[in-house]
Amino acid sequence: MAQTHDHGDHSHPAAPMVEEISDFEILEIAVRELAIEKGLFTAEDHRKFTEWAEQIGPAGGSRLVAKAWTDPAFEARVLSDGVAACREIGIDWAEPTGQGTPSDYMELRVLEDTPTLHHVIVCTLCSCYPRPLLGHSPYWYRSPNYRRRLVRWPRQVLAEFGLVLPPEVEIRVEDSNQKCRFMVLPMRPAGTESWRGAARGNRDAGLHDRRRVAAAGPQSGRCPAGPQGQPAGRRRAP
């Protein structure tokens, strides 16, 4: 039902409701249409890539970890050439959609956790993420809060996720970038020796955690505030 509002001796019908579009959506539409016009890809290429991107999840990363845990030779290949190892489990980074749509990045480094070394991944510039393996990044990974604080206080931020590491465990922060993606190979939990080919991990485990991670992400009030860091590649926690 149309609604009106009065101005004394006359009235105007209410303006129809419309969906607001963000500045980022306007930018995406403009860049996409320009790329199609210049022949970088077709509208059909974009449709296929969008459908692929909307259905991927962390199952690929789970398969990679499970196979690495149960096959030492495969684990060595994962750590030496992650892109080649992914092809063994059906993930081709050169053509991840299976429809001839190339990836925009071709380097994957898988980092192995040990009893004395723990890796954690961040993208300080935007939200670079190993989507063919882990699907879409969670909100907290893209948030400025996580990105700026992790490089300064990684031990405290991990504690906010519920992961408290002893002081003797070194923490290394790896910064993803436009052409390189990182994934963590967690230590195999005790009591899983009988597992064969089925991973019990999740998306967050591929970023930093070998134990349970709180889905809500870090809480902004629990670590000291400070200016955004200026990381460049690998950093070590104090």
Foldseek 3Di string as FASTA:
>chain_A
DWDWDDDVPDIDTDDDDDDDDDPVRVVVVVVVVVCCVVPVDHPVLVVLVVVQLVPFAQVQVLLLLQCVVVPVVLVVVCQVAVQVSSVVVPAHQQQRSVPPRGHQADAEHEAEDDLQEFEAEAALPAQDAPCSNGHDDDPQRGDNLCNQVCQPAVQQQQVQFVDHRDPRRKYKYFHDDRHYHYWYNYDDDPPCPPDHSGGPDHSVNRGTDPDHTRPVGGDNPRDDDDDGDDDDGMDIDD
